């Protein structure tokens, strides 16, 4: 199962990158927090501190990923080509 669908790149999520060291991803409805954490660490090579999930009104599952290293979210955003 592919846990990660795509990154969520909006103005609000870019503020999370800069202020809170977080990035938001759209994830599979069936993915657990542990699966999301493992997938992010494998894909981006950064240690994940916390994973918070939320199911939107549309039924999409979103994961807020906070990284251990202070500037890791900025580095991942740079890898994604948004910063």
Protein backbone atom coordinates (compact mmCIF):
# COMPACT_ATOMS: atom_id res chain seq x y z
CA UNK A 1 0.00 0.00 0.00
CA UNK A 2 1.24 3.47 -0.86
CA UNK A 3 0.73 5.62 2.20
CA UNK A 4 1.72 8.97 0.66
CA UNK A 5 -0.41 10.34 -2.18
CA UNK A 6 0.99 13.86 -2.63
CA UNK A 7 2.22 16.92 -0.71
CA UNK A 8 -0.30 19.67 0.08
CA UNK A 9 1.26 22.93 -1.08
CA UNK A 10 -0.78 26.00 -0.18
CA UNK A 11 0.01 29.36 1.39
CA UNK A 12 -1.14 28.05 4.75
CA UNK A 13 1.04 24.94 4.56
CA UNK A 14 4.05 27.02 3.50
CA UNK A 15 3.58 29.01 6.71
CA UNK A 16 3.77 25.70 8.62
CA UNK A 17 7.09 24.95 6.91
CA UNK A 18 8.63 28.24 7.99
CA UNK A 19 7.15 28.63 11.47
CA UNK A 20 6.45 25.15 12.83
CA UNK A 21 8.82 22.83 10.90
CA UNK A 22 5.81 20.93 9.49
CA UNK A 23 4.71 19.77 6.04
CA UNK A 24 1.26 18.54 5.13
CA UNK A 25 0.68 15.52 2.86
CA UNK A 26 -2.41 13.91 1.42
CA UNK A 27 -2.28 10.26 2.51
CA UNK A 28 -4.26 7.08 1.98
CA UNK A 29 -7.38 6.70 4.13
CA UNK A 30 -6.13 3.26 5.19
CA UNK A 31 -2.62 4.42 6.17
CA UNK A 32 -1.77 4.49 9.87
CA UNK A 33 0.41 7.14 11.49
CA UNK A 34 3.26 4.62 11.78
CA UNK A 35 3.03 3.77 8.07
CA UNK A 36 3.05 7.46 7.14
CA UNK A 37 6.05 8.12 9.38
CA UNK A 38 8.00 5.21 7.89
CA UNK A 39 7.17 6.27 4.32
CA UNK A 40 8.22 9.90 4.88
CA UNK A 41 11.49 8.86 6.53
CA UNK A 42 12.24 6.47 3.67
CA UNK A 43 11.36 8.89 0.85
CA UNK A 44 12.95 12.08 2.22
CA UNK A 45 15.66 10.73 4.55
CA UNK A 46 14.64 12.91 7.50
CA UNK A 47 13.63 11.77 10.99
CA UNK A 48 9.97 12.43 11.78
CA UNK A 49 9.09 13.69 15.26
CA UNK A 50 5.28 13.53 15.09
CA UNK A 51 2.48 12.66 12.69
CA UNK A 52 -0.98 14.15 13.15
CA UNK A 53 -3.79 13.09 10.84
CA UNK A 54 -7.08 14.70 9.92
CA UNK A 55 -9.92 13.59 7.65
CA UNK A 56 -11.43 16.54 5.82
CA UNK A 57 -15.11 17.09 5.05
CA UNK A 58 -14.44 15.89 1.51
CA UNK A 59 -13.16 12.60 2.92
CA UNK A 60 -9.47 13.21 2.19
CA UNK A 61 -6.98 12.16 4.86
CA UNK A 62 -4.22 14.66 5.57
CA UNK A 63 -1.09 14.15 7.62
CA UNK A 64 0.81 16.96 9.34
CA UNK A 65 4.44 15.86 9.59
CA UNK A 66 6.77 17.52 12.13
CA UNK A 67 10.46 16.78 11.74
CA UNK A 68 13.14 16.27 14.40
CA UNK A 69 15.79 18.50 12.83
CA UNK A 70 15.00 22.23 12.95
CA UNK A 71 15.26 23.05 9.24
CA UNK A 72 14.19 19.64 7.86
CA UNK A 73 10.77 20.83 6.65
CA UNK A 74 12.43 23.61 4.67
CA UNK A 75 14.86 21.09 3.15
CA UNK A 76 12.03 18.75 2.17
CA UNK A 77 10.07 21.65 0.66
CA UNK A 78 13.18 22.55 -1.33
CA UNK A 79 13.43 18.96 -2.59
CA UNK A 80 9.79 19.25 -3.68
CA UNK A 81 10.69 22.42 -5.58
CA UNK A 82 8.44 24.85 -3.73
CA UNK A 83 10.95 26.89 -1.73
